[in-house]
Amino acid sequence: MSDEPFYAPFRKPPPPRQPRPPGELLWEFRREHITWSAELHNDAPHGWEVHLLRGGDFFASRRFDLRDAAIGWSNAQRADIEKGWTK
């Protein structure tokens, strides 16, 4: 980390962010011509993160300490989406 403030006129920009590899696919289905999916990412040492994707684009995410809790949340989100509660 640099000690210069972020607004210093000659400060070098930070390196570009590296794309994240795809996570473990938990589920995928189509509803009303839209493909929904959930990916599980291991964010060690911070826990597990679930990404919900709508049509391949980021829709929502949540981080958990335990893998089972992350999978349970993703399954609850799937049930809500299948019922049409998420647009």
PDB file of N, CA and C in Angstrom:
ATOM      1  N   MET A   1       0.829  -1.166   0.000  1.00  0.00           N
ATOM      2  CA  MET A   1       0.000   0.000   0.000  1.00  0.00           C
ATOM      3  C   MET A   1       0.881   1.239   0.000  1.00  0.00           C
ATOM      4  N   SER A   2       0.540   2.194  -0.778  1.00  0.00           N
ATOM      5  CA  SER A   2       1.299   3.431  -0.849  1.00  0.00           C
ATOM      6  C   SER A   2       0.842   4.378   0.251  1.00  0.00           C
ATOM      7  N   ASP A   3       1.778   5.197   0.739  1.00  0.00           N
ATOM      8  CA  ASP A   3       1.421   6.188   1.760  1.00  0.00           C
ATOM      9  C   ASP A   3       0.861   7.453   1.138  1.00  0.00           C
ATOM     10  N   GLU A   4       0.933   7.569  -0.185  1.00  0.00           N
ATOM     11  CA  GLU A   4       0.398   8.746  -0.859  1.00  0.00           C
ATOM     12  C   GLU A   4      -1.127   8.697  -0.849  1.00  0.00           C
ATOM     13  N   PRO A   5      -1.780   9.859  -0.744  1.00  0.00           N
ATOM     14  CA  PRO A   5      -3.238   9.850  -0.837  1.00  0.00           C
ATOM     15  C   PRO A   5      -3.690   9.460  -2.244  1.00  0.00           C
ATOM     16  N   PHE A   6      -4.920   8.946  -2.345  1.00  0.00           N
ATOM     17  CA  PHE A   6      -5.414   8.455  -3.627  1.00  0.00           C
ATOM     18  C   PHE A   6      -5.515   9.562  -4.670  1.00  0.00           C
ATOM     19  N   TYR A   7      -5.524  10.813  -4.261  1.00  0.00           N
ATOM     20  CA  TYR A   7      -5.675  11.926  -5.192  1.00  0.00           C
ATOM     21  C   TYR A   7      -4.349  12.596  -5.551  1.00  0.00           C
ATOM     22  N   ALA A   8      -3.217  12.006  -5.149  1.00  0.00           N
ATOM     23  CA  ALA A   8      -1.912  12.585  -5.475  1.00  0.00           C
ATOM     24  C   ALA A   8      -1.761  12.664  -6.991  1.00  0.00           C
ATOM     25  N   PRO A   9      -1.268  13.772  -7.522  1.00  0.00           N
ATOM     26  CA  PRO A   9      -1.255  13.958  -8.981  1.00  0.00           C
ATOM     27  C   PRO A   9      -0.380  12.965  -9.749  1.00  0.00           C
ATOM     28  N   PHE A  10       0.681  12.452  -9.156  1.00  0.00           N
ATOM     29  CA  PHE A  10       1.564  11.560  -9.903  1.00  0.00           C
ATOM     30  C   PHE A  10       1.532  10.129  -9.369  1.00  0.00           C
ATOM     31  N   ARG A  11       0.520   9.805  -8.631  1.00  0.00           N
ATOM     32  CA  ARG A  11       0.387   8.458  -8.081  1.00  0.00           C
ATOM     33  C   ARG A  11       0.125   7.465  -9.208  1.00  0.00           C
ATOM     34  N   LYS A  12       0.792   6.329  -9.152  1.00  0.00           N
ATOM     35  CA  LYS A  12       0.585   5.292 -10.155  1.00  0.00           C
ATOM     36  C   LYS A  12      -0.751   4.599  -9.893  1.00  0.00           C
ATOM     37  N   PRO A  13      -1.487   4.265 -10.952  1.00  0.00           N
ATOM     38  CA  PRO A  13      -2.763   3.569 -10.736  1.00  0.00           C
ATOM     39  C   PRO A  13      -2.510   2.145 -10.244  1.00  0.00           C
ATOM     40  N   PRO A  14      -3.471   1.576  -9.530  1.00  0.00           N
ATOM     41  CA  PRO A  14      -3.292   0.194  -9.063  1.00  0.00           C
ATOM     42  C   PRO A  14      -3.298  -0.770 -10.248  1.00  0.00           C
ATOM     43  N   PRO A  15      -2.718  -1.940 -10.086  1.00  0.00           N
ATOM     44  CA  PRO A  15      -2.731  -2.905 -11.197  1.00  0.00           C
ATOM     45  C   PRO A  15      -4.173  -3.324 -11.503  1.00  0.00           C
ATOM     46  N   PRO A  16      -4.458  -3.680 -12.749  1.00  0.00           N
ATOM     47  CA  PRO A  16      -5.829  -4.081 -13.089  1.00  0.00           C
ATOM     48  C   PRO A  16      -6.232  -5.337 -12.332  1.00  0.00           C
ATOM     49  N   ARG A  17      -7.519  -5.419 -12.042  1.00  0.00           N
ATOM     50  CA  ARG A  17      -8.042  -6.595 -11.342  1.00  0.00           C
ATOM     51  C   ARG A  17      -7.977  -7.808 -12.255  1.00  0.00           C
ATOM     52  N   GLN A  18      -7.634  -8.922 -11.668  1.00  0.00           N
ATOM     53  CA  GLN A  18      -7.576 -10.171 -12.415  1.00  0.00           C
ATOM     54  C   GLN A  18      -8.958 -10.825 -12.381  1.00  0.00           C
ATOM     55  N   PRO A  19      -9.415 -11.349 -13.516  1.00  0.00           N
ATOM     56  CA  PRO A  19     -10.720 -12.002 -13.503  1.00  0.00           C
ATOM     57  C   PRO A  19     -10.709 -13.227 -12.596  1.00  0.00           C
ATOM     58  N   ARG A  20     -11.828 -13.449 -11.969  1.00  0.00           N
ATOM     59  CA  ARG A  20     -11.963 -14.572 -11.051  1.00  0.00           C
ATOM     60  C   ARG A  20     -12.348 -15.816 -11.841  1.00  0.00           C
ATOM     61  N   PRO A  21     -11.720 -16.943 -11.550  1.00  0.00           N
ATOM     62  CA  PRO A  21     -12.111 -18.169 -12.264  1.00  0.00           C
ATOM     63  C   PRO A  21     -13.530 -18.567 -11.875  1.00  0.00           C
ATOM     64  N   PRO A  22     -14.235 -19.249 -12.759  1.00  0.00           N
ATOM     65  CA  PRO A  22     -15.585 -19.672 -12.407  1.00  0.00           C
ATOM     66  C   PRO A  22     -15.562 -20.607 -11.206  1.00  0.00           C
ATOM     67  N   GLY A  23     -16.619 -20.531 -10.426  1.00  0.00           N
ATOM     68  CA  GLY A  23     -16.707 -21.368  -9.236  1.00  0.00           C
ATOM     69  C   GLY A  23     -17.356 -22.705  -9.549  1.00  0.00           C
ATOM     70  N   GLU A  24     -17.637 -23.429  -8.499  1.00  0.00           N
ATOM     71  CA  GLU A  24     -18.301 -24.731  -8.619  1.00  0.00           C
ATOM     72  C   GLU A  24     -19.784 -24.491  -8.896  1.00  0.00           C
ATOM     73  N   LEU A  25     -20.277 -25.044  -9.992  1.00  0.00           N
ATOM     74  CA  LEU A  25     -21.678 -24.873 -10.352  1.00  0.00           C
ATOM     75  C   LEU A  25     -22.547 -25.689  -9.402  1.00  0.00           C
ATOM     76  N   LEU A  26     -23.449 -25.007  -8.689  1.00  0.00           N
ATOM     77  CA  LEU A  26     -24.347 -25.692  -7.759  1.00  0.00           C
ATOM     78  C   LEU A  26     -25.630 -26.127  -8.448  1.00  0.00           C
ATOM     79  N   TRP A  27     -26.207 -25.232  -9.248  1.00  0.00           N
ATOM     80  CA  TRP A  27     -27.426 -25.554  -9.996  1.00  0.00           C
ATOM     81  C   TRP A  27     -27.587 -24.563 -11.143  1.00  0.00           C
ATOM     82  N   GLU A  28     -28.432 -24.971 -12.088  1.00  0.00           N
ATOM     83  CA  GLU A  28     -28.731 -24.132 -13.247  1.00  0.00           C
ATOM     84  C   GLU A  28     -30.093 -24.564 -13.789  1.00  0.00           C
ATOM     85  N   PHE A  29     -30.931 -23.592 -14.145  1.00  0.00           N
ATOM     86  CA  PHE A  29     -32.228 -23.896 -14.752  1.00  0.00           C
ATOM     87  C   PHE A  29     -32.706 -22.683 -15.541  1.00  0.00           C
ATOM     88  N   ARG A  30     -33.727 -22.908 -16.372  1.00  0.00           N
ATOM     89  CA  ARG A  30     -34.323 -21.823 -17.164  1.00  0.00           C
ATOM     90  C   ARG A  30     -35.730 -21.551 -16.672  1.00  0.00           C
ATOM     91  N   ARG A  31     -36.053 -20.265 -16.561  1.00  0.00           N
ATOM     92  CA  ARG A  31     -37.393 -19.826 -16.201  1.00  0.00           C
ATOM     93  C   ARG A  31     -37.710 -18.614 -17.047  1.00  0.00           C
ATOM     94  N   GLU A  32     -38.799 -18.705 -17.793  1.00  0.00           N
ATOM     95  CA  GLU A  32     -39.248 -17.611 -18.658  1.00  0.00           C
ATOM     96  C   GLU A  32     -38.114 -17.113 -19.571  1.00  0.00           C
ATOM     97  N   HIS A  33     -37.438 -18.019 -20.234  1.00  0.00           N
ATOM     98  CA  HIS A  33     -36.380 -17.742 -21.210  1.00  0.00           C
ATOM     99  C   HIS A  33     -35.121 -17.117 -20.599  1.00  0.00           C
ATOM    100  N   ILE A  34     -34.967 -17.232 -19.293  1.00  0.00           N
ATOM    101  CA  ILE A  34     -33.782 -16.705 -18.608  1.00  0.00           C
ATOM    102  C   ILE A  34     -33.106 -17.857 -17.890  1.00  0.00           C
ATOM    103  N   THR A  35     -31.803 -17.992 -18.093  1.00  0.00           N
ATOM    104  CA  THR A  35     -31.029 -19.028 -17.405  1.00  0.00           C
ATOM    105  C   THR A  35     -30.516 -18.470 -16.084  1.00  0.00           C
ATOM    106  N   TRP A  36     -30.860 -19.146 -15.008  1.00  0.00           N
ATOM    107  CA  TRP A  36     -30.386 -18.810 -13.670  1.00  0.00           C
ATOM    108  C   TRP A  36     -29.373 -19.860 -13.245  1.00  0.00           C
ATOM    109  N   SER A  37     -28.341 -19.447 -12.514  1.00  0.00           N
ATOM    110  CA  SER A  37     -27.365 -20.410 -12.002  1.00  0.00           C
ATOM    111  C   SER A  37     -26.754 -19.882 -10.714  1.00  0.00           C
ATOM    112  N   ALA A  38     -26.141 -20.787  -9.969  1.00  0.00           N
ATOM    113  CA  ALA A  38     -25.442 -20.441  -8.728  1.00  0.00           C
ATOM    114  C   ALA A  38     -24.066 -21.071  -8.760  1.00  0.00           C
ATOM    115  N   GLU A  39     -23.057 -20.274  -8.409  1.00  0.00           N
ATOM    116  CA  GLU A  39     -21.679 -20.748  -8.336  1.00  0.00           C
ATOM    117  C   GLU A  39     -21.176 -20.580  -6.914  1.00  0.00           C
ATOM    118  N   LEU A  40     -20.440 -21.576  -6.440  1.00  0.00           N
ATOM    119  CA  LEU A  40     -19.850 -21.550  -5.111  1.00  0.00           C
ATOM    120  C   LEU A  40     -18.353 -21.279  -5.248  1.00  0.00           C
ATOM    121  N   HIS A  41     -17.877 -20.266  -4.523  1.00  0.00           N
ATOM    122  CA  HIS A  41     -16.462 -19.897  -4.554  1.00  0.00           C
ATOM    123  C   HIS A  41     -15.866 -20.067  -3.163  1.00  0.00           C
ATOM    124  N   ASN A  42     -14.672 -20.643  -3.100  1.00  0.00           N
ATOM    125  CA  ASN A  42     -13.944 -20.767  -1.842  1.00  0.00           C
ATOM    126  C   ASN A  42     -13.122 -19.496  -1.674  1.00  0.00           C
ATOM    127  N   ASP A  43     -13.500 -18.680  -0.706  1.00  0.00           N
ATOM    128  CA  ASP A  43     -12.809 -17.412  -0.443  1.00  0.00           C
ATOM    129  C   ASP A  43     -11.887 -17.548   0.761  1.00  0.00           C
ATOM    130  N   ALA A  44     -11.119 -18.625   0.804  1.00  0.00           N
ATOM    131  CA  ALA A  44     -10.240 -18.877   1.953  1.00  0.00           C
ATOM    132  C   ALA A  44      -9.331 -17.672   2.160  1.00  0.00           C
ATOM    133  N   PRO A  45      -9.119 -17.253   3.325  1.00  0.00           N
ATOM    134  CA  PRO A  45      -9.585 -17.771   4.615  1.00  0.00           C
ATOM    135  C   PRO A  45     -10.893 -17.138   5.076  1.00  0.00           C
ATOM    136  N   HIS A  46     -11.604 -16.454   4.208  1.00  0.00           N
ATOM    137  CA  HIS A  46     -12.797 -15.703   4.599  1.00  0.00           C
ATOM    138  C   HIS A  46     -14.077 -16.516   4.557  1.00  0.00           C
ATOM    139  N   GLY A  47     -14.045 -17.723   4.062  1.00  0.00           N
ATOM    140  CA  GLY A  47     -15.232 -18.561   4.017  1.00  0.00           C
ATOM    141  C   GLY A  47     -15.635 -18.901   2.596  1.00  0.00           C
ATOM    142  N   TRP A  48     -16.936 -18.998   2.376  1.00  0.00           N
ATOM    143  CA  TRP A  48     -17.495 -19.404   1.087  1.00  0.00           C
ATOM    144  C   TRP A  48     -18.410 -18.306   0.568  1.00  0.00           C
ATOM    145  N   GLU A  49     -18.417 -18.122  -0.737  1.00  0.00           N
ATOM    146  CA  GLU A  49     -19.265 -17.104  -1.346  1.00  0.00           C
ATOM    147  C   GLU A  49     -20.084 -17.738  -2.463  1.00  0.00           C
ATOM    148  N   VAL A  50     -21.374 -17.425  -2.485  1.00  0.00           N
ATOM    149  CA  VAL A  50     -22.279 -17.907  -3.527  1.00  0.00           C
ATOM    150  C   VAL A  50     -22.597 -16.741  -4.441  1.00  0.00           C
ATOM    151  N   HIS A  51     -22.442 -16.938  -5.747  1.00  0.00           N
ATOM    152  CA  HIS A  51     -22.826 -15.940  -6.747  1.00  0.00           C
ATOM    153  C   HIS A  51     -24.047 -16.447  -7.493  1.00  0.00           C
ATOM    154  N   LEU A  52     -25.088 -15.644  -7.529  1.00  0.00           N
ATOM    155  CA  LEU A  52     -26.255 -15.947  -8.350  1.00  0.00           C
ATOM    156  C   LEU A  52     -26.091 -15.211  -9.663  1.00  0.00           C
ATOM    157  N   LEU A  53     -26.298 -15.923 -10.765  1.00  0.00           N
ATOM    158  CA  LEU A  53     -26.152 -15.348 -12.096  1.00  0.00           C
ATOM    159  C   LEU A  53     -27.492 -15.407 -12.818  1.00  0.00           C
ATOM    160  N   ARG A  54     -27.869 -14.315 -13.437  1.00  0.00           N
ATOM    161  CA  ARG A  54     -29.106 -14.229 -14.221  1.00  0.00           C
ATOM    162  C   ARG A  54     -28.698 -13.999 -15.661  1.00  0.00           C
ATOM    163  N   GLY A  55     -28.915 -14.985 -16.502  1.00  0.00           N
ATOM    164  CA  GLY A  55     -28.506 -14.870 -17.896  1.00  0.00           C
ATOM    165  C   GLY A  55     -27.001 -14.761 -18.052  1.00  0.00           C
ATOM    166  N   GLY A  56     -26.252 -15.332 -17.129  1.00  0.00           N
ATOM    167  CA  GLY A  56     -24.795 -15.298 -17.190  1.00  0.00           C
ATOM    168  C   GLY A  56     -24.182 -14.059 -16.573  1.00  0.00           C
ATOM    169  N   ASP A  57     -25.011 -13.089 -16.156  1.00  0.00           N
ATOM    170  CA  ASP A  57     -24.525 -11.853 -15.540  1.00  0.00           C
ATOM    171  C   ASP A  57     -24.755 -11.895 -14.034  1.00  0.00           C
ATOM    172  N   PHE A  58     -23.896 -11.225 -13.300  1.00  0.00           N
ATOM    173  CA  PHE A  58     -23.998 -11.182 -11.848  1.00  0.00           C
ATOM    174  C   PHE A  58     -25.357 -10.628 -11.436  1.00  0.00           C
ATOM    175  N   PHE A  59     -25.996 -11.300 -10.472  1.00  0.00           N
ATOM    176  CA  PHE A  59     -27.281 -10.843  -9.946  1.00  0.00           C
ATOM    177  C   PHE A  59     -27.178 -10.537  -8.449  1.00  0.00           C
ATOM    178  N   ALA A  60     -26.587 -11.444  -7.686  1.00  0.00           N
ATOM    179  CA  ALA A  60     -26.462 -11.253  -6.241  1.00  0.00           C
ATOM    180  C   ALA A  60     -25.407 -12.202  -5.702  1.00  0.00           C
ATOM    181  N   SER A  61     -24.924 -11.894  -4.493  1.00  0.00           N
ATOM    182  CA  SER A  61     -23.985 -12.808  -3.840  1.00  0.00           C
ATOM    183  C   SER A  61     -24.122 -12.670  -2.337  1.00  0.00           C
ATOM    184  N   ARG A  62     -23.574 -13.667  -1.652  1.00  0.00           N
ATOM    185  CA  ARG A  62     -23.549 -13.643  -0.196  1.00  0.00           C
ATOM    186  C   ARG A  62     -22.404 -14.528   0.279  1.00  0.00           C
ATOM    187  N   ARG A  63     -21.764 -14.117   1.366  1.00  0.00           N
ATOM    188  CA  ARG A  63     -20.626 -14.851   1.914  1.00  0.00           C
ATOM    189  C   ARG A  63     -21.038 -15.562   3.202  1.00  0.00           C
ATOM    190  N   PHE A  64     -20.485 -16.771   3.394  1.00  0.00           N
ATOM    191  CA  PHE A  64     -20.797 -17.600   4.552  1.00  0.00           C
ATOM    192  C   PHE A  64     -19.516 -18.163   5.137  1.00  0.00           C
ATOM    193  N   ASP A  65     -19.570 -18.481   6.432  1.00  0.00           N
ATOM    194  CA  ASP A  65     -18.431 -19.138   7.085  1.00  0.00           C
ATOM    195  C   ASP A  65     -18.373 -20.616   6.731  1.00  0.00           C
ATOM    196  N   LEU A  66     -19.549 -21.236   6.570  1.00  0.00           N
ATOM    197  CA  LEU A  66     -19.609 -22.679   6.333  1.00  0.00           C
ATOM    198  C   LEU A  66     -20.145 -22.995   4.937  1.00  0.00           C
ATOM    199  N   ARG A  67     -19.574 -24.018   4.329  1.00  0.00           N
ATOM    200  CA  ARG A  67     -19.988 -24.443   2.983  1.00  0.00           C
ATOM    201  C   ARG A  67     -21.457 -24.877   2.964  1.00  0.00           C
ATOM    202  N   ASP A  68     -21.876 -25.638   3.973  1.00  0.00           N
ATOM    203  CA  ASP A  68     -23.261 -26.121   4.013  1.00  0.00           C
ATOM    204  C   ASP A  68     -24.259 -24.977   4.099  1.00  0.00           C
ATOM    205  N   ALA A  69     -23.922 -23.925   4.838  1.00  0.00           N
ATOM    206  CA  ALA A  69     -24.806 -22.763   4.932  1.00  0.00           C
ATOM    207  C   ALA A  69     -24.917 -22.069   3.578  1.00  0.00           C
ATOM    208  N   ALA A  70     -23.815 -21.982   2.846  1.00  0.00           N
ATOM    209  CA  ALA A  70     -23.825 -21.356   1.521  1.00  0.00           C
ATOM    210  C   ALA A  70     -24.702 -22.149   0.554  1.00  0.00           C
ATOM    211  N   ILE A  71     -24.576 -23.453   0.582  1.00  0.00           N
ATOM    212  CA  ILE A  71     -25.374 -24.303  -0.309  1.00  0.00           C
ATOM    213  C   ILE A  71     -26.852 -24.210   0.062  1.00  0.00           C
ATOM    214  N   GLY A  72     -27.151 -24.190   1.352  1.00  0.00           N
ATOM    215  CA  GLY A  72     -28.535 -24.067   1.797  1.00  0.00           C
ATOM    216  C   GLY A  72     -29.166 -22.755   1.342  1.00  0.00           C
ATOM    217  N   TRP A  73     -28.407 -21.650   1.458  1.00  0.00           N
ATOM    218  CA  TRP A  73     -28.920 -20.352   1.009  1.00  0.00           C
ATOM    219  C   TRP A  73     -29.176 -20.354  -0.495  1.00  0.00           C
ATOM    220  N   SER A  74     -28.258 -20.946  -1.265  1.00  0.00           N
ATOM    221  CA  SER A  74     -28.436 -20.960  -2.721  1.00  0.00           C
ATOM    222  C   SER A  74     -29.673 -21.770  -3.107  1.00  0.00           C
ATOM    223  N   ASN A  75     -29.927 -22.869  -2.390  1.00  0.00           N
ATOM    224  CA  ASN A  75     -31.113 -23.671  -2.677  1.00  0.00           C
ATOM    225  C   ASN A  75     -32.394 -22.920  -2.321  1.00  0.00           C
ATOM    226  N   ALA A  76     -32.360 -22.126  -1.240  1.00  0.00           N
ATOM    227  CA  ALA A  76     -33.523 -21.311  -0.884  1.00  0.00           C
ATOM    228  C   ALA A  76     -33.770 -20.238  -1.945  1.00  0.00           C
ATOM    229  N   GLN A  77     -32.692 -19.650  -2.472  1.00  0.00           N
ATOM    230  CA  GLN A  77     -32.841 -18.648  -3.527  1.00  0.00           C
ATOM    231  C   GLN A  77     -33.421 -19.270  -4.788  1.00  0.00           C
ATOM    232  N   ARG A  78     -32.985 -20.483  -5.104  1.00  0.00           N
ATOM    233  CA  ARG A  78     -33.524 -21.174  -6.278  1.00  0.00           C
ATOM    234  C   ARG A  78     -35.029 -21.386  -6.124  1.00  0.00           C
ATOM    235  N   ALA A  79     -35.448 -21.821  -4.938  1.00  0.00           N
ATOM    236  CA  ALA A  79     -36.876 -22.044  -4.698  1.00  0.00           C
ATOM    237  C   ALA A  79     -37.662 -20.745  -4.894  1.00  0.00           C
ATOM    238  N   ASP A  80     -37.116 -19.625  -4.408  1.00  0.00           N
ATOM    239  CA  ASP A  80     -37.787 -18.335  -4.585  1.00  0.00           C
ATOM    240  C   ASP A  80     -37.863 -17.936  -6.055  1.00  0.00           C
ATOM    241  N   ILE A  81     -36.787 -18.151  -6.789  1.00  0.00           N
ATOM    242  CA  ILE A  81     -36.765 -17.802  -8.214  1.00  0.00           C
ATOM    243  C   ILE A  81     -37.760 -18.662  -8.981  1.00  0.00           C
ATOM    244  N   GLU A  82     -37.803 -19.946  -8.657  1.00  0.00           N
ATOM    245  CA  GLU A  82     -38.751 -20.838  -9.337  1.00  0.00           C
ATOM    246  C   GLU A  82     -40.199 -20.432  -9.082  1.00  0.00           C
ATOM    247  N   LYS A  83     -40.468 -19.841  -7.914  1.00  0.00           N
ATOM    248  CA  LYS A  83     -41.819 -19.362  -7.594  1.00  0.00           C
ATOM    249  C   LYS A  83     -42.124 -18.019  -8.259  1.00  0.00           C
ATOM    250  N   GLY A  84     -41.083 -17.372  -8.813  1.00  0.00           N
ATOM    251  CA  GLY A  84     -41.286 -16.095  -9.480  1.00  0.00           C
ATOM    252  C   GLY A  84     -41.166 -14.915  -8.555  1.00  0.00           C
ATOM    253  N   TRP A  85     -40.533 -15.085  -7.406  1.00  0.00           N
ATOM    254  CA  TRP A  85     -40.414 -13.997  -6.441  1.00  0.00           C
ATOM    255  C   TRP A  85     -39.275 -13.042  -6.748  1.00  0.00           C
ATOM    256  N   THR A  86     -38.432 -13.366  -7.703  1.00  0.00           N
ATOM    257  CA  THR A  86     -37.299 -12.516  -8.062  1.00  0.00           C
ATOM    258  C   THR A  86     -37.438 -12.136  -9.533  1.00  0.00           C
ATOM    259  N   LYS A  87     -37.322 -10.878  -9.805  1.00  0.00           N
ATOM    260  CA  LYS A  87     -37.409 -10.410 -11.203  1.00  0.00           C
ATOM    261  C   LYS A  87     -36.045 -10.103 -11.723  1.00  0.00           C
TER     262      LYS A  87
END
